[in-house]
């Protein structure tokens, strides 16, 4: 318990220190420049991802054949898909539980009505 609190405090302190060193807490203009630099740094990776998606969706527009992903990237993508599906399942639990409870209530009500009808016939 104590170790978990210390670890969380360490993460928060590390993030605060990193943002201070990057200058995120300075003027809005400086933050805008940092954001633009981050966008420029990520642009090649985003373009590569767009090309892969386009190649997957529309085969006629593919310029080149992509090599299969290395095992490590494939594992990470599978892990991320599993996490997404788990959270989607958890998101659906209240709805499914509500439907289950409605079905149980209906079954119990039908059972009670059926017993009442049998008693009245006798």
PDB file of N, CA and C in Angstrom:
ATOM      1  N   UNK A   1       0.832  -1.188   0.000  1.00  0.00           N
ATOM      2  CA  UNK A   1       0.000   0.000   0.000  1.00  0.00           C
ATOM      3  C   UNK A   1       0.877   1.252   0.000  1.00  0.00           C
ATOM      4  N   UNK A   2       1.842   1.283   0.918  1.00  0.00           N
ATOM      5  CA  UNK A   2       2.728   2.443   1.028  1.00  0.00           C
ATOM      6  C   UNK A   2       3.584   2.563  -0.219  1.00  0.00           C
ATOM      7  N   UNK A   3       4.051   1.415  -0.736  1.00  0.00           N
ATOM      8  CA  UNK A   3       4.868   1.455  -1.944  1.00  0.00           C
ATOM      9  C   UNK A   3       4.076   1.990  -3.136  1.00  0.00           C
ATOM     10  N   UNK A   4       2.803   1.631  -3.207  1.00  0.00           N
ATOM     11  CA  UNK A   4       1.961   2.110  -4.302  1.00  0.00           C
ATOM     12  C   UNK A   4       1.803   3.628  -4.233  1.00  0.00           C
ATOM     13  N   UNK A   5       1.599   4.164  -3.040  1.00  0.00           N
ATOM     14  CA  UNK A   5       1.461   5.612  -2.869  1.00  0.00           C
ATOM     15  C   UNK A   5       2.763   6.302  -3.249  1.00  0.00           C
ATOM     16  N   UNK A   6       3.890   5.730  -2.834  1.00  0.00           N
ATOM     17  CA  UNK A   6       5.192   6.315  -3.170  1.00  0.00           C
ATOM     18  C   UNK A   6       5.410   6.282  -4.682  1.00  0.00           C
ATOM     19  N   UNK A   7       5.040   5.179  -5.325  1.00  0.00           N
ATOM     20  CA  UNK A   7       5.184   5.077  -6.777  1.00  0.00           C
ATOM     21  C   UNK A   7       4.318   6.111  -7.488  1.00  0.00           C
ATOM     22  N   UNK A   8       3.077   6.275  -7.035  1.00  0.00           N
ATOM     23  CA  UNK A   8       2.191   7.267  -7.658  1.00  0.00           C
ATOM     24  C   UNK A   8       2.731   8.677  -7.469  1.00  0.00           C
ATOM     25  N   UNK A   9       3.206   8.975  -6.274  1.00  0.00           N
ATOM     26  CA  UNK A   9       3.789  10.303  -6.031  1.00  0.00           C
ATOM     27  C   UNK A   9       5.019  10.522  -6.902  1.00  0.00           C
ATOM     28  N   UNK A  10       5.815   9.474  -7.102  1.00  0.00           N
ATOM     29  CA  UNK A  10       6.987   9.579  -7.966  1.00  0.00           C
ATOM     30  C   UNK A  10       6.609   9.878  -9.399  1.00  0.00           C
ATOM     31  N   UNK A  11       5.553   9.226  -9.888  1.00  0.00           N
ATOM     32  CA  UNK A  11       5.089   9.479 -11.255  1.00  0.00           C
ATOM     33  C   UNK A  11       4.596  10.918 -11.392  1.00  0.00           C
ATOM     34  N   UNK A  12       3.804  11.370 -10.434  1.00  0.00           N
ATOM     35  CA  UNK A  12       3.285  12.744 -10.483  1.00  0.00           C
ATOM     36  C   UNK A  12       4.434  13.745 -10.434  1.00  0.00           C
ATOM     37  N   UNK A  13       5.391  13.517  -9.546  1.00  0.00           N
ATOM     38  CA  UNK A  13       6.535  14.432  -9.441  1.00  0.00           C
ATOM     39  C   UNK A  13       7.344  14.420 -10.726  1.00  0.00           C
ATOM     40  N   UNK A  14       7.521  13.244 -11.321  1.00  0.00           N
ATOM     41  CA  UNK A  14       8.262  13.153 -12.580  1.00  0.00           C
ATOM     42  C   UNK A  14       7.576  13.900 -13.710  1.00  0.00           C
ATOM     43  N   UNK A  15       6.276  13.766 -13.796  1.00  0.00           N
ATOM     44  CA  UNK A  15       5.526  14.485 -14.842  1.00  0.00           C
ATOM     45  C   UNK A  15       5.605  15.988 -14.609  1.00  0.00           C
ATOM     46  N   UNK A  16       5.441  16.407 -13.370  1.00  0.00           N
ATOM     47  CA  UNK A  16       5.526  17.837 -13.065  1.00  0.00           C
ATOM     48  C   UNK A  16       6.912  18.374 -13.395  1.00  0.00           C
ATOM     49  N   UNK A  17       7.956  17.644 -13.052  1.00  0.00           N
ATOM     50  CA  UNK A  17       9.321  18.078 -13.341  1.00  0.00           C
ATOM     51  C   UNK A  17       9.552  18.156 -14.850  1.00  0.00           C
ATOM     52  N   UNK A  18       9.085  17.130 -15.592  1.00  0.00           N
ATOM     53  CA  UNK A  18       9.276  17.105 -17.041  1.00  0.00           C
ATOM     54  C   UNK A  18       8.552  18.266 -17.717  1.00  0.00           C
ATOM     55  N   UNK A  19       7.321  18.540 -17.296  1.00  0.00           N
ATOM     56  CA  UNK A  19       6.589  19.648 -17.912  1.00  0.00           C
ATOM     57  C   UNK A  19       7.243  20.983 -17.579  1.00  0.00           C
ATOM     58  N   UNK A  20       7.806  21.101 -16.394  1.00  0.00           N
ATOM     59  CA  UNK A  20       8.509  22.335 -16.020  1.00  0.00           C
ATOM     60  C   UNK A  20       9.767  22.501 -16.873  1.00  0.00           C
ATOM     61  N   UNK A  21      10.493  21.410 -17.093  1.00  0.00           N
ATOM     62  CA  UNK A  21      11.713  21.463 -17.900  1.00  0.00           C
ATOM     63  C   UNK A  21      11.399  21.778 -19.365  1.00  0.00           C
ATOM     64  N   UNK A  22      10.279  21.257 -19.882  1.00  0.00           N
ATOM     65  CA  UNK A  22       9.897  21.550 -21.265  1.00  0.00           C
ATOM     66  C   UNK A  22       9.366  22.967 -21.423  1.00  0.00           C
ATOM     67  N   UNK A  23       8.967  23.574 -20.349  1.00  0.00           N
ATOM     68  CA  UNK A  23       8.452  24.934 -20.424  1.00  0.00           C
ATOM     69  C   UNK A  23       6.967  24.993 -20.699  1.00  0.00           C
ATOM     70  N   UNK A  24       6.228  23.942 -20.393  1.00  0.00           N
ATOM     71  CA  UNK A  24       4.789  23.920 -20.640  1.00  0.00           C
ATOM     72  C   UNK A  24       4.087  24.942 -19.767  1.00  0.00           C
ATOM     73  N   UNK A  25       4.665  25.280 -18.615  1.00  0.00           N
ATOM     74  CA  UNK A  25       4.028  26.197 -17.685  1.00  0.00           C
ATOM     75  C   UNK A  25       4.358  27.658 -17.982  1.00  0.00           C
ATOM     76  N   UNK A  26       4.982  27.903 -19.121  1.00  0.00           N
ATOM     77  CA  UNK A  26       5.295  29.284 -19.485  1.00  0.00           C
ATOM     78  C   UNK A  26       4.101  29.904 -20.209  1.00  0.00           C
ATOM     79  N   UNK A  27       4.368  30.860 -21.053  1.00  0.00           N
ATOM     80  CA  UNK A  27       3.291  31.601 -21.729  1.00  0.00           C
ATOM     81  C   UNK A  27       2.539  30.708 -22.715  1.00  0.00           C
ATOM     82  N   UNK A  28       1.306  31.106 -23.072  1.00  0.00           N
ATOM     83  CA  UNK A  28       0.534  30.333 -24.048  1.00  0.00           C
ATOM     84  C   UNK A  28       1.226  30.260 -25.417  1.00  0.00           C
ATOM     85  N   UNK A  29       1.946  31.304 -25.786  1.00  0.00           N
ATOM     86  CA  UNK A  29       2.649  31.301 -27.065  1.00  0.00           C
ATOM     87  C   UNK A  29       3.722  30.214 -27.082  1.00  0.00           C
ATOM     88  N   UNK A  30       4.438  30.095 -25.955  1.00  0.00           N
ATOM     89  CA  UNK A  30       5.483  29.079 -25.858  1.00  0.00           C
ATOM     90  C   UNK A  30       4.861  27.675 -25.914  1.00  0.00           C
ATOM     91  N   UNK A  31       3.724  27.501 -25.275  1.00  0.00           N
ATOM     92  CA  UNK A  31       3.034  26.209 -25.316  1.00  0.00           C
ATOM     93  C   UNK A  31       2.578  25.887 -26.737  1.00  0.00           C
ATOM     94  N   UNK A  32       2.126  26.895 -27.472  1.00  0.00           N
ATOM     95  CA  UNK A  32       1.707  26.687 -28.856  1.00  0.00           C
ATOM     96  C   UNK A  32       2.894  26.251 -29.719  1.00  0.00           C
ATOM     97  N   UNK A  33       4.053  26.843 -29.481  1.00  0.00           N
ATOM     98  CA  UNK A  33       5.257  26.460 -30.219  1.00  0.00           C
ATOM     99  C   UNK A  33       5.631  25.008 -29.893  1.00  0.00           C
ATOM    100  N   UNK A  34       5.555  24.643 -28.615  1.00  0.00           N
ATOM    101  CA  UNK A  34       5.843  23.260 -28.223  1.00  0.00           C
ATOM    102  C   UNK A  34       4.885  22.285 -28.894  1.00  0.00           C
ATOM    103  N   UNK A  35       3.602  22.639 -28.949  1.00  0.00           N
ATOM    104  CA  UNK A  35       2.610  21.783 -29.585  1.00  0.00           C
ATOM    105  C   UNK A  35       2.896  21.625 -31.073  1.00  0.00           C
ATOM    106  N   UNK A  36       3.271  22.709 -31.731  1.00  0.00           N
ATOM    107  CA  UNK A  36       3.582  22.643 -33.152  1.00  0.00           C
ATOM    108  C   UNK A  36       4.823  21.795 -33.405  1.00  0.00           C
ATOM    109  N   UNK A  37       5.821  21.910 -32.532  1.00  0.00           N
ATOM    110  CA  UNK A  37       7.019  21.067 -32.659  1.00  0.00           C
ATOM    111  C   UNK A  37       6.664  19.592 -32.487  1.00  0.00           C
ATOM    112  N   UNK A  38       5.782  19.298 -31.539  1.00  0.00           N
ATOM    113  CA  UNK A  38       5.352  17.915 -31.337  1.00  0.00           C
ATOM    114  C   UNK A  38       4.607  17.397 -32.563  1.00  0.00           C
ATOM    115  N   UNK A  39       3.767  18.237 -33.151  1.00  0.00           N
ATOM    116  CA  UNK A  39       3.037  17.831 -34.357  1.00  0.00           C
ATOM    117  C   UNK A  39       4.002  17.529 -35.495  1.00  0.00           C
ATOM    118  N   UNK A  40       5.004  18.386 -35.676  1.00  0.00           N
ATOM    119  CA  UNK A  40       5.985  18.179 -36.744  1.00  0.00           C
ATOM    120  C   UNK A  40       6.787  16.906 -36.507  1.00  0.00           C
ATOM    121  N   UNK A  41       7.073  16.605 -35.245  1.00  0.00           N
ATOM    122  CA  UNK A  41       7.825  15.385 -34.931  1.00  0.00           C
ATOM    123  C   UNK A  41       6.995  14.135 -35.198  1.00  0.00           C
ATOM    124  N   UNK A  42       5.691  14.219 -34.968  1.00  0.00           N
ATOM    125  CA  UNK A  42       4.815  13.064 -35.152  1.00  0.00           C
ATOM    126  C   UNK A  42       4.297  12.903 -36.580  1.00  0.00           C
ATOM    127  N   UNK A  43       4.452  13.937 -37.408  1.00  0.00           N
ATOM    128  CA  UNK A  43       3.898  13.909 -38.756  1.00  0.00           C
ATOM    129  C   UNK A  43       4.371  12.706 -39.588  1.00  0.00           C
ATOM    130  N   UNK A  44       5.675  12.341 -39.606  1.00  0.00           N
ATOM    131  CA  UNK A  44       6.076  11.172 -40.414  1.00  0.00           C
ATOM    132  C   UNK A  44       5.420   9.873 -39.944  1.00  0.00           C
ATOM    133  N   UNK A  45       5.285   9.718 -38.640  1.00  0.00           N
ATOM    134  CA  UNK A  45       4.654   8.507 -38.122  1.00  0.00           C
ATOM    135  C   UNK A  45       3.170   8.475 -38.478  1.00  0.00           C
ATOM    136  N   UNK A  46       2.520   9.623 -38.414  1.00  0.00           N
ATOM    137  CA  UNK A  46       1.103   9.692 -38.770  1.00  0.00           C
ATOM    138  C   UNK A  46       0.905   9.399 -40.256  1.00  0.00           C
ATOM    139  N   UNK A  47       1.805   9.908 -41.093  1.00  0.00           N
ATOM    140  CA  UNK A  47       1.699   9.653 -42.529  1.00  0.00           C
ATOM    141  C   UNK A  47       1.885   8.169 -42.833  1.00  0.00           C
ATOM    142  N   UNK A  48       2.835   7.538 -42.138  1.00  0.00           N
ATOM    143  CA  UNK A  48       3.046   6.102 -42.318  1.00  0.00           C
ATOM    144  C   UNK A  48       1.797   5.319 -41.925  1.00  0.00           C
ATOM    145  N   UNK A  49       1.178   5.709 -40.808  1.00  0.00           N
ATOM    146  CA  UNK A  49      -0.043   5.043 -40.366  1.00  0.00           C
ATOM    147  C   UNK A  49      -1.169   5.253 -41.375  1.00  0.00           C
ATOM    148  N   UNK A  50      -1.302   6.468 -41.902  1.00  0.00           N
ATOM    149  CA  UNK A  50      -2.332   6.732 -42.922  1.00  0.00           C
ATOM    150  C   UNK A  50      -2.102   5.877 -44.156  1.00  0.00           C
ATOM    151  N   UNK A  51      -0.831   5.739 -44.561  1.00  0.00           N
ATOM    152  CA  UNK A  51      -0.536   4.919 -45.731  1.00  0.00           C
ATOM    153  C   UNK A  51      -0.898   3.453 -45.489  1.00  0.00           C
ATOM    154  N   UNK A  52      -0.629   2.959 -44.291  1.00  0.00           N
ATOM    155  CA  UNK A  52      -0.955   1.568 -43.984  1.00  0.00           C
ATOM    156  C   UNK A  52      -2.463   1.354 -43.983  1.00  0.00           C
ATOM    157  N   UNK A  53      -3.223   2.296 -43.428  1.00  0.00           N
ATOM    158  CA  UNK A  53      -4.680   2.160 -43.388  1.00  0.00           C
ATOM    159  C   UNK A  53      -5.248   2.225 -44.792  1.00  0.00           C
ATOM    160  N   UNK A  54      -4.739   3.146 -45.597  1.00  0.00           N
ATOM    161  CA  UNK A  54      -5.218   3.264 -46.972  1.00  0.00           C
ATOM    162  C   UNK A  54      -4.898   1.990 -47.743  1.00  0.00           C
ATOM    163  N   UNK A  55      -3.719   1.445 -47.527  1.00  0.00           N
ATOM    164  CA  UNK A  55      -3.334   0.216 -48.218  1.00  0.00           C
ATOM    165  C   UNK A  55      -4.242  -0.928 -47.803  1.00  0.00           C
ATOM    166  N   UNK A  56      -4.651  -0.937 -46.563  1.00  0.00           N
ATOM    167  CA  UNK A  56      -5.518  -1.999 -46.080  1.00  0.00           C
ATOM    168  C   UNK A  56      -6.926  -1.851 -46.648  1.00  0.00           C
ATOM    169  N   UNK A  57      -7.424  -0.602 -46.726  1.00  0.00           N
ATOM    170  CA  UNK A  57      -8.797  -0.378 -47.170  1.00  0.00           C
ATOM    171  C   UNK A  57      -8.928  -0.380 -48.693  1.00  0.00           C
ATOM    172  N   UNK A  58      -8.020   0.270 -49.368  1.00  0.00           N
ATOM    173  CA  UNK A  58      -8.151   0.408 -50.819  1.00  0.00           C
ATOM    174  C   UNK A  58      -6.881  -0.109 -51.483  1.00  0.00           C
ATOM    175  N   UNK A  59      -6.899  -1.348 -51.927  1.00  0.00           N
ATOM    176  CA  UNK A  59      -5.715  -2.014 -52.469  1.00  0.00           C
ATOM    177  C   UNK A  59      -5.193  -1.342 -53.738  1.00  0.00           C
ATOM    178  N   UNK A  60      -6.078  -0.751 -54.530  1.00  0.00           N
ATOM    179  CA  UNK A  60      -5.628  -0.160 -55.799  1.00  0.00           C
ATOM    180  C   UNK A  60      -4.757   1.078 -55.600  1.00  0.00           C
ATOM    181  N   UNK A  61      -4.846   1.721 -54.437  1.00  0.00           N
ATOM    182  CA  UNK A  61      -4.059   2.928 -54.188  1.00  0.00           C
ATOM    183  C   UNK A  61      -2.716   2.633 -53.528  1.00  0.00           C
ATOM    184  N   UNK A  62      -2.427   1.368 -53.253  1.00  0.00           N
ATOM    185  CA  UNK A  62      -1.168   1.020 -52.585  1.00  0.00           C
ATOM    186  C   UNK A  62       0.009   1.244 -53.517  1.00  0.00           C
ATOM    187  N   UNK A  63       0.987   1.963 -53.029  1.00  0.00           N
ATOM    188  CA  UNK A  63       2.183   2.224 -53.822  1.00  0.00           C
ATOM    189  C   UNK A  63       3.204   1.096 -53.656  1.00  0.00           C
ATOM    190  N   UNK A  64       3.308   0.567 -52.448  1.00  0.00           N
ATOM    191  CA  UNK A  64       4.306  -0.450 -52.175  1.00  0.00           C
ATOM    192  C   UNK A  64       3.725  -1.482 -51.228  1.00  0.00           C
ATOM    193  N   UNK A  65       4.362  -2.607 -51.197  1.00  0.00           N
ATOM    194  CA  UNK A  65       3.934  -3.674 -50.300  1.00  0.00           C
ATOM    195  C   UNK A  65       4.658  -3.509 -48.972  1.00  0.00           C
ATOM    196  N   UNK A  66       3.906  -3.514 -47.880  1.00  0.00           N
ATOM    197  CA  UNK A  66       4.506  -3.357 -46.565  1.00  0.00           C
ATOM    198  C   UNK A  66       4.932  -4.718 -46.038  1.00  0.00           C
ATOM    199  N   UNK A  67       6.039  -4.714 -45.311  1.00  0.00           N
ATOM    200  CA  UNK A  67       6.507  -5.943 -44.676  1.00  0.00           C
ATOM    201  C   UNK A  67       5.650  -6.216 -43.447  1.00  0.00           C
ATOM    202  N   UNK A  68       5.544  -7.482 -43.054  1.00  0.00           N
ATOM    203  CA  UNK A  68       4.794  -7.759 -41.831  1.00  0.00           C
ATOM    204  C   UNK A  68       5.477  -7.117 -40.629  1.00  0.00           C
ATOM    205  N   UNK A  69       4.675  -6.810 -39.640  1.00  0.00           N
ATOM    206  CA  UNK A  69       5.213  -6.174 -38.438  1.00  0.00           C
ATOM    207  C   UNK A  69       6.129  -7.131 -37.693  1.00  0.00           C
ATOM    208  N   UNK A  70       7.133  -6.580 -37.009  1.00  0.00           N
ATOM    209  CA  UNK A  70       7.936  -7.433 -36.138  1.00  0.00           C
ATOM    210  C   UNK A  70       7.074  -7.990 -35.006  1.00  0.00           C
ATOM    211  N   UNK A  71       7.552  -9.068 -34.399  1.00  0.00           N
ATOM    212  CA  UNK A  71       6.790  -9.743 -33.354  1.00  0.00           C
ATOM    213  C   UNK A  71       6.424  -8.791 -32.241  1.00  0.00           C
ATOM    214  N   UNK A  72       7.342  -7.929 -31.831  1.00  0.00           N
ATOM    215  CA  UNK A  72       7.105  -7.036 -30.693  1.00  0.00           C
ATOM    216  C   UNK A  72       5.951  -6.067 -30.991  1.00  0.00           C
ATOM    217  N   UNK A  73       5.941  -5.471 -32.180  1.00  0.00           N
ATOM    218  CA  UNK A  73       4.853  -4.559 -32.540  1.00  0.00           C
ATOM    219  C   UNK A  73       3.531  -5.308 -32.640  1.00  0.00           C
ATOM    220  N   UNK A  74       3.578  -6.503 -33.187  1.00  0.00           N
ATOM    221  CA  UNK A  74       2.368  -7.301 -33.301  1.00  0.00           C
ATOM    222  C   UNK A  74       1.814  -7.629 -31.921  1.00  0.00           C
ATOM    223  N   UNK A  75       2.695  -7.961 -30.982  1.00  0.00           N
ATOM    224  CA  UNK A  75       2.278  -8.267 -29.615  1.00  0.00           C
ATOM    225  C   UNK A  75       1.653  -7.048 -28.963  1.00  0.00           C
ATOM    226  N   UNK A  76       2.264  -5.878 -29.155  1.00  0.00           N
ATOM    227  CA  UNK A  76       1.738  -4.646 -28.552  1.00  0.00           C
ATOM    228  C   UNK A  76       0.363  -4.331 -29.119  1.00  0.00           C
ATOM    229  N   UNK A  77       0.197  -4.470 -30.427  1.00  0.00           N
ATOM    230  CA  UNK A  77      -1.116  -4.216 -31.036  1.00  0.00           C
ATOM    231  C   UNK A  77      -2.159  -5.190 -30.509  1.00  0.00           C
ATOM    232  N   UNK A  78      -1.790  -6.449 -30.349  1.00  0.00           N
ATOM    233  CA  UNK A  78      -2.733  -7.429 -29.809  1.00  0.00           C
ATOM    234  C   UNK A  78      -3.105  -7.086 -28.375  1.00  0.00           C
ATOM    235  N   UNK A  79      -2.114  -6.679 -27.594  1.00  0.00           N
ATOM    236  CA  UNK A  79      -2.367  -6.294 -26.198  1.00  0.00           C
ATOM    237  C   UNK A  79      -3.330  -5.111 -26.149  1.00  0.00           C
ATOM    238  N   UNK A  80      -3.078  -4.099 -26.983  1.00  0.00           N
ATOM    239  CA  UNK A  80      -3.939  -2.914 -26.995  1.00  0.00           C
ATOM    240  C   UNK A  80      -5.366  -3.271 -27.413  1.00  0.00           C
ATOM    241  N   UNK A  81      -5.512  -4.146 -28.398  1.00  0.00           N
ATOM    242  CA  UNK A  81      -6.850  -4.576 -28.816  1.00  0.00           C
ATOM    243  C   UNK A  81      -7.557  -5.316 -27.693  1.00  0.00           C
ATOM    244  N   UNK A  82      -6.815  -6.129 -26.949  1.00  0.00           N
ATOM    245  CA  UNK A  82      -7.408  -6.860 -25.822  1.00  0.00           C
ATOM    246  C   UNK A  82      -7.893  -5.899 -24.754  1.00  0.00           C
ATOM    247  N   UNK A  83      -7.091  -4.894 -24.441  1.00  0.00           N
ATOM    248  CA  UNK A  83      -7.471  -3.899 -23.434  1.00  0.00           C
ATOM    249  C   UNK A  83      -8.716  -3.140 -23.893  1.00  0.00           C
ATOM    250  N   UNK A  84      -8.764  -2.755 -25.164  1.00  0.00           N
ATOM    251  CA  UNK A  84      -9.933  -2.043 -25.682  1.00  0.00           C
ATOM    252  C   UNK A  84     -11.192  -2.906 -25.565  1.00  0.00           C
ATOM    253  N   UNK A  85     -11.067  -4.189 -25.916  1.00  0.00           N
ATOM    254  CA  UNK A  85     -12.221  -5.079 -25.833  1.00  0.00           C
ATOM    255  C   UNK A  85     -12.662  -5.292 -24.390  1.00  0.00           C
ATOM    256  N   UNK A  86     -11.689  -5.351 -23.480  1.00  0.00           N
ATOM    257  CA  UNK A  86     -12.031  -5.519 -22.062  1.00  0.00           C
ATOM    258  C   UNK A  86     -12.804  -4.309 -21.557  1.00  0.00           C
ATOM    259  N   UNK A  87     -12.360  -3.109 -21.915  1.00  0.00           N
ATOM    260  CA  UNK A  87     -13.071  -1.912 -21.468  1.00  0.00           C
ATOM    261  C   UNK A  87     -14.440  -1.806 -22.135  1.00  0.00           C
ATOM    262  N   UNK A  88     -14.545  -2.244 -23.384  1.00  0.00           N
ATOM    263  CA  UNK A  88     -15.851  -2.251 -24.047  1.00  0.00           C
ATOM    264  C   UNK A  88     -16.792  -3.210 -23.312  1.00  0.00           C
ATOM    265  N   UNK A  89     -16.270  -4.378 -22.923  1.00  0.00           N
ATOM    266  CA  UNK A  89     -17.075  -5.335 -22.167  1.00  0.00           C
ATOM    267  C   UNK A  89     -17.516  -4.722 -20.844  1.00  0.00           C
ATOM    268  N   UNK A  90     -16.585  -4.084 -20.130  1.00  0.00           N
ATOM    269  CA  UNK A  90     -16.937  -3.462 -18.853  1.00  0.00           C
ATOM    270  C   UNK A  90     -17.962  -2.355 -19.043  1.00  0.00           C
ATOM    271  N   UNK A  91     -17.891  -1.669 -20.168  1.00  0.00           N
ATOM    272  CA  UNK A  91     -18.859  -0.621 -20.466  1.00  0.00           C
ATOM    273  C   UNK A  91     -20.254  -1.213 -20.673  1.00  0.00           C
ATOM    274  N   UNK A  92     -20.339  -2.435 -21.199  1.00  0.00           N
ATOM    275  CA  UNK A  92     -21.621  -3.076 -21.480  1.00  0.00           C
ATOM    276  C   UNK A  92     -22.200  -3.815 -20.276  1.00  0.00           C
ATOM    277  N   UNK A  93     -21.406  -4.016 -19.222  1.00  0.00           N
ATOM    278  CA  UNK A  93     -21.867  -4.791 -18.057  1.00  0.00           C
ATOM    279  C   UNK A  93     -23.139  -4.213 -17.434  1.00  0.00           C
ATOM    280  N   UNK A  94     -23.237  -2.909 -17.176  1.00  0.00           N
ATOM    281  CA  UNK A  94     -24.484  -2.405 -16.571  1.00  0.00           C
ATOM    282  C   UNK A  94     -25.726  -2.672 -17.436  1.00  0.00           C
ATOM    283  N   UNK A  95     -25.592  -2.499 -18.739  1.00  0.00           N
ATOM    284  CA  UNK A  95     -26.727  -2.747 -19.629  1.00  0.00           C
ATOM    285  C   UNK A  95     -27.124  -4.215 -19.602  1.00  0.00           C
ATOM    286  N   UNK A  96     -26.124  -5.088 -19.698  1.00  0.00           N
ATOM    287  CA  UNK A  96     -26.416  -6.523 -19.669  1.00  0.00           C
ATOM    288  C   UNK A  96     -27.007  -6.949 -18.327  1.00  0.00           C
ATOM    289  N   UNK A  97     -26.503  -6.383 -17.240  1.00  0.00           N
ATOM    290  CA  UNK A  97     -27.029  -6.714 -15.919  1.00  0.00           C
ATOM    291  C   UNK A  97     -28.479  -6.258 -15.801  1.00  0.00           C
ATOM    292  N   UNK A  98     -28.783  -5.077 -16.338  1.00  0.00           N
ATOM    293  CA  UNK A  98     -30.150  -4.561 -16.310  1.00  0.00           C
ATOM    294  C   UNK A  98     -31.089  -5.511 -17.069  1.00  0.00           C
ATOM    295  N   UNK A  99     -30.673  -5.954 -18.258  1.00  0.00           N
ATOM    296  CA  UNK A  99     -31.497  -6.885 -19.029  1.00  0.00           C
ATOM    297  C   UNK A  99     -31.663  -8.206 -18.285  1.00  0.00           C
ATOM    298  N   UNK A 100     -30.590  -8.685 -17.668  1.00  0.00           N
ATOM    299  CA  UNK A 100     -30.662  -9.922 -16.898  1.00  0.00           C
ATOM    300  C   UNK A 100     -31.652  -9.790 -15.755  1.00  0.00           C
ATOM    301  N   UNK A 101     -31.608  -8.676 -15.042  1.00  0.00           N
ATOM    302  CA  UNK A 101     -32.526  -8.478 -13.916  1.00  0.00           C
ATOM    303  C   UNK A 101     -33.969  -8.378 -14.392  1.00  0.00           C
ATOM    304  N   UNK A 102     -34.191  -7.736 -15.530  1.00  0.00           N
ATOM    305  CA  UNK A 102     -35.551  -7.688 -16.092  1.00  0.00           C
ATOM    306  C   UNK A 102     -36.052  -9.089 -16.423  1.00  0.00           C
ATOM    307  N   UNK A 103     -35.184  -9.930 -17.013  1.00  0.00           N
ATOM    308  CA  UNK A 103     -35.580 -11.298 -17.345  1.00  0.00           C
ATOM    309  C   UNK A 103     -35.883 -12.113 -16.093  1.00  0.00           C
ATOM    310  N   UNK A 104     -35.075 -11.957 -15.052  1.00  0.00           N
ATOM    311  CA  UNK A 104     -35.304 -12.681 -13.802  1.00  0.00           C
ATOM    312  C   UNK A 104     -36.621 -12.235 -13.179  1.00  0.00           C
ATOM    313  N   UNK A 105     -36.858 -10.908 -13.166  1.00  0.00           N
ATOM    314  CA  UNK A 105     -38.100 -10.387 -12.603  1.00  0.00           C
ATOM    315  C   UNK A 105     -39.305 -10.933 -13.362  1.00  0.00           C
ATOM    316  N   UNK A 106     -39.217 -10.966 -14.675  1.00  0.00           N
ATOM    317  CA  UNK A 106     -40.319 -11.471 -15.490  1.00  0.00           C
ATOM    318  C   UNK A 106     -40.544 -12.960 -15.229  1.00  0.00           C
ATOM    319  N   UNK A 107     -39.452 -13.720 -15.130  1.00  0.00           N
ATOM    320  CA  UNK A 107     -39.582 -15.162 -14.874  1.00  0.00           C
ATOM    321  C   UNK A 107     -40.218 -15.424 -13.512  1.00  0.00           C
ATOM    322  N   UNK A 108     -39.811 -14.686 -12.495  1.00  0.00           N
ATOM    323  CA  UNK A 108     -40.380 -14.869 -11.154  1.00  0.00           C
ATOM    324  C   UNK A 108     -41.849 -14.469 -11.160  1.00  0.00           C
ATOM    325  N   UNK A 109     -42.181 -13.366 -11.815  1.00  0.00           N
ATOM    326  CA  UNK A 109     -43.577 -12.917 -11.895  1.00  0.00           C
ATOM    327  C   UNK A 109     -44.430 -13.963 -12.607  1.00  0.00           C
ATOM    328  N   UNK A 110     -43.945 -14.507 -13.719  1.00  0.00           N
ATOM    329  CA  UNK A 110     -44.689 -15.542 -14.447  1.00  0.00           C
ATOM    330  C   UNK A 110     -44.868 -16.791 -13.585  1.00  0.00           C
ATOM    331  N   UNK A 111     -43.835 -17.155 -12.835  1.00  0.00           N
ATOM    332  CA  UNK A 111     -43.923 -18.319 -11.961  1.00  0.00           C
ATOM    333  C   UNK A 111     -44.972 -18.114 -10.879  1.00  0.00           C
ATOM    334  N   UNK A 112     -44.996 -16.928 -10.277  1.00  0.00           N
ATOM    335  CA  UNK A 112     -45.983 -16.629  -9.229  1.00  0.00           C
ATOM    336  C   UNK A 112     -47.389 -16.627  -9.822  1.00  0.00           C
ATOM    337  N   UNK A 113     -47.574 -16.029 -10.982  1.00  0.00           N
ATOM    338  CA  UNK A 113     -48.893 -16.016 -11.625  1.00  0.00           C
ATOM    339  C   UNK A 113     -49.356 -17.433 -11.947  1.00  0.00           C
ATOM    340  N   UNK A 114     -48.429 -18.269 -12.418  1.00  0.00           N
ATOM    341  CA  UNK A 114     -48.780 -19.647 -12.751  1.00  0.00           C
ATOM    342  C   UNK A 114     -49.213 -20.414 -11.504  1.00  0.00           C
ATOM    343  N   UNK A 115     -48.536 -20.217 -10.388  1.00  0.00           N
ATOM    344  CA  UNK A 115     -48.907 -20.883  -9.142  1.00  0.00           C
ATOM    345  C   UNK A 115     -50.267 -20.382  -8.656  1.00  0.00           C
ATOM    346  N   UNK A 116     -50.503 -19.057  -8.771  1.00  0.00           N
ATOM    347  CA  UNK A 116     -51.789 -18.503  -8.358  1.00  0.00           C
ATOM    348  C   UNK A 116     -52.933 -19.101  -9.199  1.00  0.00           C
ATOM    349  N   UNK A 117     -52.707 -19.267 -10.495  1.00  0.00           N
ATOM    350  CA  UNK A 117     -53.724 -19.839 -11.356  1.00  0.00           C
ATOM    351  C   UNK A 117     -54.015 -21.291 -10.991  1.00  0.00           C
ATOM    352  N   UNK A 118     -52.978 -22.046 -10.653  1.00  0.00           N
ATOM    353  CA  UNK A 118     -53.176 -23.447 -10.234  1.00  0.00           C
ATOM    354  C   UNK A 118     -53.952 -23.528  -8.927  1.00  0.00           C
ATOM    355  N   UNK A 119     -53.643 -22.623  -8.001  1.00  0.00           N
ATOM    356  CA  UNK A 119     -54.345 -22.613  -6.702  1.00  0.00           C
ATOM    357  C   UNK A 119     -55.808 -22.262  -6.912  1.00  0.00           C
ATOM    358  N   UNK A 120     -56.118 -21.305  -7.763  1.00  0.00           N
ATOM    359  CA  UNK A 120     -57.488 -20.894  -8.000  1.00  0.00           C
ATOM    360  C   UNK A 120     -58.299 -22.000  -8.705  1.00  0.00           C
ATOM    361  N   UNK A 121     -57.664 -22.811  -9.528  1.00  0.00           N
ATOM    362  CA  UNK A 121     -58.359 -23.890 -10.202  1.00  0.00           C
ATOM    363  C   UNK A 121     -58.738 -25.002  -9.248  1.00  0.00           C
ATOM    364  N   UNK A 122     -57.945 -25.205  -8.236  1.00  0.00           N
ATOM    365  CA  UNK A 122     -58.217 -26.287  -7.284  1.00  0.00           C
ATOM    366  C   UNK A 122     -59.281 -25.903  -6.345  1.00  0.00           C
TER     367      UNK A 122
END
